[in-house]
């Protein structure tokens, strides 16, 4: 199980190296990293999350990277993924 988790964390790090926030906004980079990590912990793929929020996958990835803003998504982050911006 630990090996699987390590591999998944390495995949997150690879995605984060390609992130538009890498080298840009430090807050957005940390926010994106936390969201991806929490989705990994809860075993919730982006496709399933997009279906739950009734939005497209491409729009969801823009919300995660911070290119777009949605109050509904921010509420979901704080209530369900338990991400608090005070600790980022």
N, C-alpha and C. Protein backbone atom coordinates (compact mmCIF):
# COMPACT_ATOMS: atom_id res chain seq x y z
N UNK A 1 0.82 -1.20 0.00
CA UNK A 1 0.00 0.00 0.00
C UNK A 1 0.87 1.26 0.00
N UNK A 2 1.96 1.23 0.75
CA UNK A 2 2.83 2.40 0.80
C UNK A 2 3.46 2.67 -0.55
N UNK A 3 3.80 1.59 -1.29
CA UNK A 3 4.40 1.77 -2.61
C UNK A 3 3.41 2.42 -3.56
N UNK A 4 2.15 1.98 -3.49
CA UNK A 4 1.12 2.58 -4.34
C UNK A 4 0.95 4.06 -4.03
N UNK A 5 0.93 4.38 -2.75
CA UNK A 5 0.78 5.77 -2.33
C UNK A 5 1.97 6.60 -2.80
N UNK A 6 3.17 6.04 -2.69
CA UNK A 6 4.36 6.76 -3.16
C UNK A 6 4.29 7.02 -4.66
N UNK A 7 3.85 6.03 -5.42
CA UNK A 7 3.74 6.19 -6.87
C UNK A 7 2.72 7.28 -7.21
N UNK A 8 1.61 7.29 -6.49
CA UNK A 8 0.59 8.29 -6.73
C UNK A 8 1.09 9.68 -6.36
N UNK A 9 1.84 9.78 -5.28
CA UNK A 9 2.40 11.07 -4.88
C UNK A 9 3.42 11.54 -5.92
N UNK A 10 4.20 10.62 -6.46
CA UNK A 10 5.15 10.97 -7.53
C UNK A 10 4.41 11.48 -8.76
N UNK A 11 3.26 10.87 -9.07
CA UNK A 11 2.46 11.34 -10.20
C UNK A 11 1.94 12.75 -9.95
N UNK A 12 1.53 13.02 -8.72
CA UNK A 12 1.08 14.37 -8.37
C UNK A 12 2.22 15.36 -8.56
N UNK A 13 3.42 14.98 -8.11
CA UNK A 13 4.58 15.87 -8.25
C UNK A 13 4.90 16.12 -9.72
N UNK A 14 4.74 15.10 -10.57
CA UNK A 14 4.97 15.28 -12.00
C UNK A 14 3.95 16.24 -12.59
N UNK A 15 2.68 16.09 -12.19
CA UNK A 15 1.64 17.01 -12.66
C UNK A 15 1.93 18.43 -12.19
N UNK A 16 2.39 18.54 -10.95
CA UNK A 16 2.65 19.86 -10.39
C UNK A 16 3.84 20.54 -11.06
N UNK A 17 4.78 19.76 -11.59
CA UNK A 17 5.91 20.38 -12.29
C UNK A 17 5.46 21.01 -13.60
N UNK A 18 4.34 20.54 -14.15
CA UNK A 18 3.79 21.09 -15.39
C UNK A 18 2.71 22.14 -15.13
N UNK A 19 2.46 22.40 -13.87
CA UNK A 19 1.41 23.33 -13.48
C UNK A 19 1.70 24.75 -13.97
N UNK A 20 0.65 25.46 -14.42
CA UNK A 20 0.86 26.86 -14.82
C UNK A 20 1.23 27.75 -13.63
N UNK A 21 0.98 27.28 -12.42
CA UNK A 21 1.29 28.06 -11.22
C UNK A 21 2.72 27.84 -10.74
N UNK A 22 3.41 26.86 -11.32
CA UNK A 22 4.79 26.59 -10.93
C UNK A 22 5.67 27.76 -11.36
N UNK A 23 6.28 28.43 -10.41
CA UNK A 23 7.08 29.60 -10.72
C UNK A 23 6.26 30.87 -10.73
N UNK A 24 4.96 30.75 -10.53
CA UNK A 24 4.08 31.91 -10.51
C UNK A 24 3.59 32.17 -9.10
N UNK A 25 2.28 32.20 -8.96
CA UNK A 25 1.67 32.46 -7.66
C UNK A 25 1.93 31.30 -6.70
N UNK A 26 2.57 31.60 -5.60
CA UNK A 26 2.88 30.57 -4.61
C UNK A 26 1.60 30.03 -3.96
N UNK A 27 0.65 30.92 -3.70
CA UNK A 27 -0.61 30.51 -3.08
C UNK A 27 -1.36 29.54 -3.98
N UNK A 28 -1.50 29.88 -5.28
CA UNK A 28 -2.23 29.01 -6.19
C UNK A 28 -1.54 27.67 -6.37
N UNK A 29 -0.21 27.67 -6.35
CA UNK A 29 0.55 26.43 -6.48
C UNK A 29 0.27 25.52 -5.28
N UNK A 30 0.34 26.07 -4.08
CA UNK A 30 0.09 25.28 -2.87
C UNK A 30 -1.36 24.83 -2.80
N UNK A 31 -2.28 25.69 -3.23
CA UNK A 31 -3.70 25.35 -3.24
C UNK A 31 -3.96 24.17 -4.17
N UNK A 32 -3.41 24.25 -5.38
CA UNK A 32 -3.58 23.17 -6.35
C UNK A 32 -2.99 21.86 -5.81
N UNK A 33 -1.83 21.96 -5.20
CA UNK A 33 -1.17 20.77 -4.66
C UNK A 33 -2.02 20.13 -3.56
N UNK A 34 -2.58 20.96 -2.68
CA UNK A 34 -3.43 20.43 -1.60
C UNK A 34 -4.69 19.78 -2.15
N UNK A 35 -5.31 20.40 -3.14
CA UNK A 35 -6.53 19.84 -3.72
C UNK A 35 -6.23 18.48 -4.34
N UNK A 36 -5.16 18.40 -5.12
CA UNK A 36 -4.81 17.13 -5.77
C UNK A 36 -4.47 16.06 -4.73
N UNK A 37 -3.78 16.45 -3.66
CA UNK A 37 -3.44 15.50 -2.61
C UNK A 37 -4.69 15.00 -1.88
N UNK A 38 -5.61 15.90 -1.58
CA UNK A 38 -6.84 15.49 -0.90
C UNK A 38 -7.70 14.58 -1.79
N UNK A 39 -7.72 14.85 -3.09
CA UNK A 39 -8.44 13.97 -4.01
C UNK A 39 -7.80 12.59 -4.03
N UNK A 40 -6.49 12.54 -3.95
CA UNK A 40 -5.76 11.28 -3.91
C UNK A 40 -6.10 10.50 -2.63
N UNK A 41 -6.08 11.17 -1.51
CA UNK A 41 -6.38 10.53 -0.23
C UNK A 41 -7.79 9.95 -0.22
N UNK A 42 -8.74 10.70 -0.77
CA UNK A 42 -10.13 10.25 -0.78
C UNK A 42 -10.45 9.32 -1.95
N UNK A 43 -9.42 9.03 -2.76
CA UNK A 43 -9.57 8.15 -3.92
C UNK A 43 -10.71 8.64 -4.82
N UNK A 44 -10.70 9.92 -5.10
CA UNK A 44 -11.73 10.57 -5.90
C UNK A 44 -11.11 11.13 -7.17
N UNK A 45 -11.32 10.45 -8.31
CA UNK A 45 -10.74 10.97 -9.57
C UNK A 45 -11.45 12.24 -10.02
N UNK A 46 -10.74 13.02 -10.84
CA UNK A 46 -11.30 14.28 -11.33
C UNK A 46 -12.58 14.06 -12.11
N UNK A 47 -12.63 12.97 -12.86
CA UNK A 47 -13.81 12.68 -13.68
C UNK A 47 -15.04 12.51 -12.79
N UNK A 48 -14.89 11.78 -11.70
CA UNK A 48 -15.99 11.55 -10.77
C UNK A 48 -16.38 12.84 -10.05
N UNK A 49 -15.39 13.64 -9.69
CA UNK A 49 -15.66 14.91 -9.03
C UNK A 49 -16.41 15.86 -9.96
N UNK A 50 -16.01 15.88 -11.23
CA UNK A 50 -16.69 16.73 -12.21
C UNK A 50 -18.15 16.31 -12.36
N UNK A 51 -18.39 15.01 -12.35
CA UNK A 51 -19.75 14.51 -12.45
C UNK A 51 -20.57 14.93 -11.22
N UNK A 52 -19.94 14.84 -10.04
CA UNK A 52 -20.61 15.20 -8.79
C UNK A 52 -20.98 16.69 -8.77
N UNK A 53 -20.07 17.53 -9.27
CA UNK A 53 -20.31 18.98 -9.28
C UNK A 53 -21.10 19.44 -10.50
N UNK A 54 -21.36 18.50 -11.43
CA UNK A 54 -22.12 18.77 -12.66
C UNK A 54 -21.43 19.83 -13.52
N UNK A 55 -20.12 19.64 -13.71
CA UNK A 55 -19.33 20.51 -14.58
C UNK A 55 -18.45 19.62 -15.45
N UNK A 56 -17.84 20.21 -16.48
CA UNK A 56 -16.96 19.43 -17.35
C UNK A 56 -15.59 19.23 -16.70
N UNK A 57 -14.89 18.21 -17.17
CA UNK A 57 -13.56 17.93 -16.62
C UNK A 57 -12.57 19.06 -16.90
N UNK A 58 -12.67 19.64 -18.09
CA UNK A 58 -11.74 20.72 -18.43
C UNK A 58 -11.98 21.95 -17.55
N UNK A 59 -13.25 22.24 -17.26
CA UNK A 59 -13.57 23.37 -16.39
C UNK A 59 -13.08 23.07 -14.96
N UNK A 60 -13.21 21.82 -14.54
CA UNK A 60 -12.74 21.44 -13.21
C UNK A 60 -11.23 21.62 -13.10
N UNK A 61 -10.49 21.24 -14.12
CA UNK A 61 -9.04 21.41 -14.04
C UNK A 61 -8.67 22.89 -14.02
N UNK A 62 -9.46 23.74 -14.69
CA UNK A 62 -9.22 25.19 -14.63
C UNK A 62 -9.54 25.73 -13.24
N UNK A 63 -10.56 25.17 -12.59
CA UNK A 63 -10.88 25.57 -11.22
C UNK A 63 -9.75 25.16 -10.27
N UNK A 64 -9.23 23.96 -10.47
CA UNK A 64 -8.17 23.46 -9.60
C UNK A 64 -6.90 24.30 -9.75
N UNK A 65 -6.55 24.66 -10.98
CA UNK A 65 -5.33 25.44 -11.19
C UNK A 65 -5.51 26.91 -10.85
N UNK A 66 -6.74 27.35 -10.70
CA UNK A 66 -6.99 28.74 -10.33
C UNK A 66 -7.22 29.66 -11.51
N UNK A 67 -7.33 29.10 -12.72
CA UNK A 67 -7.60 29.93 -13.90
C UNK A 67 -9.02 30.47 -13.86
N UNK A 68 -9.92 29.72 -13.28
CA UNK A 68 -11.33 30.11 -13.15
C UNK A 68 -11.71 30.08 -11.68
N UNK A 69 -12.84 30.72 -11.35
CA UNK A 69 -13.32 30.77 -9.97
C UNK A 69 -14.79 30.39 -9.93
N UNK A 70 -15.15 29.59 -8.94
CA UNK A 70 -16.54 29.22 -8.72
C UNK A 70 -16.76 29.13 -7.21
N UNK A 71 -17.75 29.85 -6.74
CA UNK A 71 -18.03 29.85 -5.31
C UNK A 71 -18.47 28.46 -4.85
N UNK A 72 -19.22 27.76 -5.69
CA UNK A 72 -19.67 26.41 -5.35
C UNK A 72 -18.47 25.47 -5.16
N UNK A 73 -17.48 25.62 -6.02
CA UNK A 73 -16.27 24.79 -5.91
C UNK A 73 -15.50 25.12 -4.64
N UNK A 74 -15.40 26.39 -4.31
CA UNK A 74 -14.70 26.80 -3.09
C UNK A 74 -15.40 26.25 -1.84
N UNK A 75 -16.72 26.24 -1.85
CA UNK A 75 -17.48 25.67 -0.73
C UNK A 75 -17.20 24.18 -0.64
N UNK A 76 -17.17 23.51 -1.79
CA UNK A 76 -16.88 22.08 -1.81
C UNK A 76 -15.49 21.80 -1.24
N UNK A 77 -14.52 22.63 -1.60
CA UNK A 77 -13.15 22.46 -1.10
C UNK A 77 -13.12 22.55 0.42
N UNK A 78 -13.76 23.55 0.97
CA UNK A 78 -13.69 23.74 2.42
C UNK A 78 -14.51 22.71 3.19
N UNK A 79 -15.68 22.35 2.69
CA UNK A 79 -16.55 21.43 3.44
C UNK A 79 -16.19 19.97 3.24
N UNK A 80 -15.95 19.56 2.01
CA UNK A 80 -15.76 18.14 1.73
C UNK A 80 -14.30 17.71 1.70
N UNK A 81 -13.44 18.55 1.14
CA UNK A 81 -12.02 18.20 1.11
C UNK A 81 -11.29 18.70 2.34
N UNK A 82 -11.97 19.53 3.13
CA UNK A 82 -11.44 20.06 4.39
C UNK A 82 -10.12 20.80 4.20
N UNK A 83 -10.06 21.64 3.18
CA UNK A 83 -8.88 22.47 2.93
C UNK A 83 -9.16 23.86 3.48
N UNK A 84 -8.32 24.28 4.40
CA UNK A 84 -8.46 25.59 5.01
C UNK A 84 -7.33 26.47 4.50
N UNK A 85 -7.66 27.60 3.93
CA UNK A 85 -6.65 28.48 3.35
C UNK A 85 -5.74 29.12 4.39
N UNK A 86 -6.11 29.08 5.64
CA UNK A 86 -5.26 29.65 6.69
C UNK A 86 -3.96 28.87 6.84
N UNK A 87 -3.98 27.60 6.48
CA UNK A 87 -2.81 26.74 6.69
C UNK A 87 -2.01 26.49 5.42
N UNK A 88 -2.36 27.18 4.34
CA UNK A 88 -1.61 26.98 3.09
C UNK A 88 -0.39 27.86 3.10
